[in-house]
Amino acid sequence: MAKAFGRRGRLARSAEEVRAAAAEWVANPGPMMIDARISRSVVTLPYRRIHYGRDE
């Protein structure tokens, strides 16, 4: 999406790829999107709040 708008973007599928993308952004600040893909088994906080009523 970021590249379509002429901005920088990186796809990260591991913690190391997220670190590398963040380091790239720190070295050259400006608009950048990091698409961090996580495991399907991870339940996000908003989902837990809506479906389970929990904030843990």
PDB file of N, CA and C in Angstrom:
ATOM      1  N   MET A   1       0.823  -1.177   0.000  1.00  0.00           N
ATOM      2  CA  MET A   1       0.000   0.000   0.000  1.00  0.00           C
ATOM      3  C   MET A   1       0.873   1.249   0.000  1.00  0.00           C
ATOM      4  N   ALA A   2       1.900   1.264   0.845  1.00  0.00           N
ATOM      5  CA  ALA A   2       2.775   2.432   0.925  1.00  0.00           C
ATOM      6  C   ALA A   2       3.464   2.686  -0.408  1.00  0.00           C
ATOM      7  N   LYS A   3       3.954   1.643  -1.033  1.00  0.00           N
ATOM      8  CA  LYS A   3       4.648   1.797  -2.317  1.00  0.00           C
ATOM      9  C   LYS A   3       3.711   2.344  -3.391  1.00  0.00           C
ATOM     10  N   ALA A   4       2.433   1.971  -3.329  1.00  0.00           N
ATOM     11  CA  ALA A   4       1.466   2.459  -4.306  1.00  0.00           C
ATOM     12  C   ALA A   4       1.298   3.980  -4.208  1.00  0.00           C
ATOM     13  N   PHE A   5       1.529   4.530  -3.019  1.00  0.00           N
ATOM     14  CA  PHE A   5       1.416   5.969  -2.807  1.00  0.00           C
ATOM     15  C   PHE A   5       2.771   6.676  -2.860  1.00  0.00           C
ATOM     16  N   GLY A   6       3.788   5.951  -3.335  1.00  0.00           N
ATOM     17  CA  GLY A   6       5.110   6.547  -3.477  1.00  0.00           C
ATOM     18  C   GLY A   6       5.892   6.648  -2.187  1.00  0.00           C
ATOM     19  N   ARG A   7       5.527   5.875  -1.203  1.00  0.00           N
ATOM     20  CA  ARG A   7       6.217   5.869   0.091  1.00  0.00           C
ATOM     21  C   ARG A   7       6.968   4.559   0.269  1.00  0.00           C
ATOM     22  N   ARG A   8       7.715   4.496   1.349  1.00  0.00           N
ATOM     23  CA  ARG A   8       8.455   3.273   1.656  1.00  0.00           C
ATOM     24  C   ARG A   8       7.571   2.304   2.421  1.00  0.00           C
ATOM     25  N   GLY A   9       7.782   1.030   2.197  1.00  0.00           N
ATOM     26  CA  GLY A   9       7.050   0.001   2.907  1.00  0.00           C
ATOM     27  C   GLY A   9       7.845  -1.296   2.930  1.00  0.00           C
ATOM     28  N   ARG A  10       7.693  -2.042   3.997  1.00  0.00           N
ATOM     29  CA  ARG A  10       8.379  -3.331   4.131  1.00  0.00           C
ATOM     30  C   ARG A  10       7.420  -4.357   4.690  1.00  0.00           C
ATOM     31  N   LEU A  11       7.544  -5.586   4.216  1.00  0.00           N
ATOM     32  CA  LEU A  11       6.801  -6.715   4.746  1.00  0.00           C
ATOM     33  C   LEU A  11       7.717  -7.452   5.708  1.00  0.00           C
ATOM     34  N   ALA A  12       7.241  -7.704   6.915  1.00  0.00           N
ATOM     35  CA  ALA A  12       8.053  -8.394   7.920  1.00  0.00           C
ATOM     36  C   ALA A  12       7.292  -9.617   8.419  1.00  0.00           C
ATOM     37  N   ARG A  13       7.940 -10.757   8.328  1.00  0.00           N
ATOM     38  CA  ARG A  13       7.316 -12.004   8.791  1.00  0.00           C
ATOM     39  C   ARG A  13       8.026 -12.601   9.995  1.00  0.00           C
ATOM     40  N   SER A  14       9.042 -11.899  10.493  1.00  0.00           N
ATOM     41  CA  SER A  14       9.752 -12.358  11.685  1.00  0.00           C
ATOM     42  C   SER A  14      10.178 -11.143  12.493  1.00  0.00           C
ATOM     43  N   ALA A  15      10.549 -11.392  13.738  1.00  0.00           N
ATOM     44  CA  ALA A  15      10.997 -10.295  14.597  1.00  0.00           C
ATOM     45  C   ALA A  15      12.244  -9.631  14.019  1.00  0.00           C
ATOM     46  N   GLU A  16      13.119 -10.422  13.429  1.00  0.00           N
ATOM     47  CA  GLU A  16      14.345  -9.866  12.833  1.00  0.00           C
ATOM     48  C   GLU A  16      14.016  -8.945  11.657  1.00  0.00           C
ATOM     49  N   GLU A  17      13.040  -9.302  10.862  1.00  0.00           N
ATOM     50  CA  GLU A  17      12.648  -8.438   9.740  1.00  0.00           C
ATOM     51  C   GLU A  17      12.007  -7.138  10.234  1.00  0.00           C
ATOM     52  N   VAL A  18      11.264  -7.205  11.340  1.00  0.00           N
ATOM     53  CA  VAL A  18      10.700  -5.982  11.934  1.00  0.00           C
ATOM     54  C   VAL A  18      11.833  -5.093  12.430  1.00  0.00           C
ATOM     55  N   ARG A  19      12.824  -5.684  13.103  1.00  0.00           N
ATOM     56  CA  ARG A  19      13.983  -4.911  13.591  1.00  0.00           C
ATOM     57  C   ARG A  19      14.721  -4.242  12.430  1.00  0.00           C
ATOM     58  N   ALA A  20      14.918  -4.980  11.344  1.00  0.00           N
ATOM     59  CA  ALA A  20      15.629  -4.429  10.191  1.00  0.00           C
ATOM     60  C   ALA A  20      14.842  -3.277   9.573  1.00  0.00           C
ATOM     61  N   ALA A  21      13.520  -3.424   9.455  1.00  0.00           N
ATOM     62  CA  ALA A  21      12.695  -2.354   8.903  1.00  0.00           C
ATOM     63  C   ALA A  21      12.708  -1.129   9.819  1.00  0.00           C
ATOM     64  N   ALA A  22      12.641  -1.355  11.117  1.00  0.00           N
ATOM     65  CA  ALA A  22      12.681  -0.242  12.068  1.00  0.00           C
ATOM     66  C   ALA A  22      14.035   0.460  12.013  1.00  0.00           C
ATOM     67  N   ALA A  23      15.105  -0.302  11.883  1.00  0.00           N
ATOM     68  CA  ALA A  23      16.442   0.292  11.771  1.00  0.00           C
ATOM     69  C   ALA A  23      16.552   1.123  10.500  1.00  0.00           C
ATOM     70  N   GLU A  24      15.950   0.649   9.418  1.00  0.00           N
ATOM     71  CA  GLU A  24      15.946   1.404   8.166  1.00  0.00           C
ATOM     72  C   GLU A  24      15.211   2.732   8.357  1.00  0.00           C
ATOM     73  N   TRP A  25      14.082   2.687   9.048  1.00  0.00           N
ATOM     74  CA  TRP A  25      13.308   3.903   9.295  1.00  0.00           C
ATOM     75  C   TRP A  25      14.078   4.886  10.177  1.00  0.00           C
ATOM     76  N   VAL A  26      14.736   4.376  11.217  1.00  0.00           N
ATOM     77  CA  VAL A  26      15.523   5.238  12.111  1.00  0.00           C
ATOM     78  C   VAL A  26      16.654   5.897  11.333  1.00  0.00           C
ATOM     79  N   ALA A  27      17.291   5.157  10.445  1.00  0.00           N
ATOM     80  CA  ALA A  27      18.399   5.693   9.654  1.00  0.00           C
ATOM     81  C   ALA A  27      17.930   6.742   8.653  1.00  0.00           C
ATOM     82  N   ASN A  28      16.693   6.620   8.198  1.00  0.00           N
ATOM     83  CA  ASN A  28      16.156   7.543   7.199  1.00  0.00           C
ATOM     84  C   ASN A  28      14.701   7.858   7.547  1.00  0.00           C
ATOM     85  N   PRO A  29      14.462   8.744   8.549  1.00  0.00           N
ATOM     86  CA  PRO A  29      13.105   9.031   9.011  1.00  0.00           C
ATOM     87  C   PRO A  29      12.209   9.565   7.896  1.00  0.00           C
ATOM     88  N   GLY A  30      10.955   9.323   8.037  1.00  0.00           N
ATOM     89  CA  GLY A  30       9.946   9.764   7.084  1.00  0.00           C
ATOM     90  C   GLY A  30       8.826   8.752   7.034  1.00  0.00           C
ATOM     91  N   PRO A  31       7.807   9.023   6.251  1.00  0.00           N
ATOM     92  CA  PRO A  31       6.687   8.086   6.180  1.00  0.00           C
ATOM     93  C   PRO A  31       7.132   6.703   5.705  1.00  0.00           C
ATOM     94  N   MET A  32       6.757   5.693   6.471  1.00  0.00           N
ATOM     95  CA  MET A  32       7.097   4.306   6.123  1.00  0.00           C
ATOM     96  C   MET A  32       6.089   3.387   6.790  1.00  0.00           C
ATOM     97  N   MET A  33       5.609   2.406   6.043  1.00  0.00           N
ATOM     98  CA  MET A  33       4.680   1.429   6.593  1.00  0.00           C
ATOM     99  C   MET A  33       5.403   0.100   6.748  1.00  0.00           C
ATOM    100  N   ILE A  34       5.251  -0.500   7.922  1.00  0.00           N
ATOM    101  CA  ILE A  34       5.798  -1.831   8.160  1.00  0.00           C
ATOM    102  C   ILE A  34       4.617  -2.772   8.338  1.00  0.00           C
ATOM    103  N   ASP A  35       4.466  -3.706   7.414  1.00  0.00           N
ATOM    104  CA  ASP A  35       3.402  -4.701   7.465  1.00  0.00           C
ATOM    105  C   ASP A  35       3.959  -5.891   8.227  1.00  0.00           C
ATOM    106  N   ALA A  36       3.669  -5.947   9.522  1.00  0.00           N
ATOM    107  CA  ALA A  36       4.192  -7.012  10.385  1.00  0.00           C
ATOM    108  C   ALA A  36       3.168  -8.135  10.458  1.00  0.00           C
ATOM    109  N   ARG A  37       3.435  -9.231   9.788  1.00  0.00           N
ATOM    110  CA  ARG A  37       2.531 -10.386   9.776  1.00  0.00           C
ATOM    111  C   ARG A  37       2.828 -11.243  10.996  1.00  0.00           C
ATOM    112  N   ILE A  38       1.805 -11.573  11.731  1.00  0.00           N
ATOM    113  CA  ILE A  38       1.981 -12.387  12.929  1.00  0.00           C
ATOM    114  C   ILE A  38       1.247 -13.712  12.782  1.00  0.00           C
ATOM    115  N   SER A  39       1.456 -14.577  13.736  1.00  0.00           N
ATOM    116  CA  SER A  39       0.828 -15.898  13.724  1.00  0.00           C
ATOM    117  C   SER A  39      -0.686 -15.779  13.825  1.00  0.00           C
ATOM    118  N   ARG A  40      -1.397 -16.650  13.142  1.00  0.00           N
ATOM    119  CA  ARG A  40      -2.858 -16.651  13.216  1.00  0.00           C
ATOM    120  C   ARG A  40      -3.355 -17.045  14.600  1.00  0.00           C
ATOM    121  N   SER A  41      -2.512 -17.685  15.392  1.00  0.00           N
ATOM    122  CA  SER A  41      -2.942 -18.120  16.724  1.00  0.00           C
ATOM    123  C   SER A  41      -2.883 -16.991  17.753  1.00  0.00           C
ATOM    124  N   VAL A  42      -2.339 -15.841  17.388  1.00  0.00           N
ATOM    125  CA  VAL A  42      -2.272 -14.703  18.303  1.00  0.00           C
ATOM    126  C   VAL A  42      -3.595 -13.964  18.241  1.00  0.00           C
ATOM    127  N   VAL A  43      -4.214 -13.793  19.399  1.00  0.00           N
ATOM    128  CA  VAL A  43      -5.486 -13.081  19.479  1.00  0.00           C
ATOM    129  C   VAL A  43      -5.175 -11.646  19.884  1.00  0.00           C
ATOM    130  N   THR A  44      -5.565 -10.688  19.047  1.00  0.00           N
ATOM    131  CA  THR A  44      -5.251  -9.287  19.311  1.00  0.00           C
ATOM    132  C   THR A  44      -6.098  -8.738  20.453  1.00  0.00           C
ATOM    133  N   LEU A  45      -5.623  -7.668  21.072  1.00  0.00           N
ATOM    134  CA  LEU A  45      -6.323  -7.044  22.190  1.00  0.00           C
ATOM    135  C   LEU A  45      -7.739  -6.600  21.798  1.00  0.00           C
ATOM    136  N   PRO A  46      -7.932  -5.890  20.666  1.00  0.00           N
ATOM    137  CA  PRO A  46      -9.302  -5.517  20.316  1.00  0.00           C
ATOM    138  C   PRO A  46     -10.240  -6.726  20.155  1.00  0.00           C
ATOM    139  N   TYR A  47      -9.732  -7.805  19.570  1.00  0.00           N
ATOM    140  CA  TYR A  47     -10.552  -9.010  19.399  1.00  0.00           C
ATOM    141  C   TYR A  47     -10.919  -9.596  20.761  1.00  0.00           C
ATOM    142  N   ARG A  48      -9.929  -9.659  21.685  1.00  0.00           N
ATOM    143  CA  ARG A  48     -10.213 -10.177  23.035  1.00  0.00           C
ATOM    144  C   ARG A  48     -11.257  -9.327  23.733  1.00  0.00           C
ATOM    145  N   ARG A  49     -11.156  -8.016  23.579  1.00  0.00           N
ATOM    146  CA  ARG A  49     -12.127  -7.125  24.227  1.00  0.00           C
ATOM    147  C   ARG A  49     -13.533  -7.349  23.696  1.00  0.00           C
ATOM    148  N   ILE A  50     -13.667  -7.425  22.374  1.00  0.00           N
ATOM    149  CA  ILE A  50     -14.986  -7.565  21.757  1.00  0.00           C
ATOM    150  C   ILE A  50     -15.599  -8.935  22.024  1.00  0.00           C
ATOM    151  N   HIS A  51     -14.816  -9.997  21.827  1.00  0.00           N
ATOM    152  CA  HIS A  51     -15.377 -11.349  21.879  1.00  0.00           C
ATOM    153  C   HIS A  51     -15.295 -12.023  23.237  1.00  0.00           C
ATOM    154  N   TYR A  52     -14.330 -11.617  24.068  1.00  0.00           N
ATOM    155  CA  TYR A  52     -14.169 -12.281  25.358  1.00  0.00           C
ATOM    156  C   TYR A  52     -14.325 -11.321  26.547  1.00  0.00           C
ATOM    157  N   GLY A  53     -14.375 -10.009  26.276  1.00  0.00           N
ATOM    158  CA  GLY A  53     -14.495  -9.037  27.365  1.00  0.00           C
ATOM    159  C   GLY A  53     -13.292  -9.009  28.284  1.00  0.00           C
ATOM    160  N   ARG A  54     -12.101  -9.300  27.733  1.00  0.00           N
ATOM    161  CA  ARG A  54     -10.882  -9.361  28.547  1.00  0.00           C
ATOM    162  C   ARG A  54      -9.820  -8.408  28.001  1.00  0.00           C
ATOM    163  N   ASP A  55      -9.014  -7.858  28.932  1.00  0.00           N
ATOM    164  CA  ASP A  55      -7.914  -6.966  28.587  1.00  0.00           C
ATOM    165  C   ASP A  55      -6.555  -7.573  28.917  1.00  0.00           C
ATOM    166  N   GLU A  56      -6.452  -8.861  28.991  1.00  0.00           N
ATOM    167  CA  GLU A  56      -5.192  -9.480  29.387  1.00  0.00           C
ATOM    168  C   GLU A  56      -4.330  -9.818  28.210  1.00  0.00           C
TER     169      GLU A  56
END
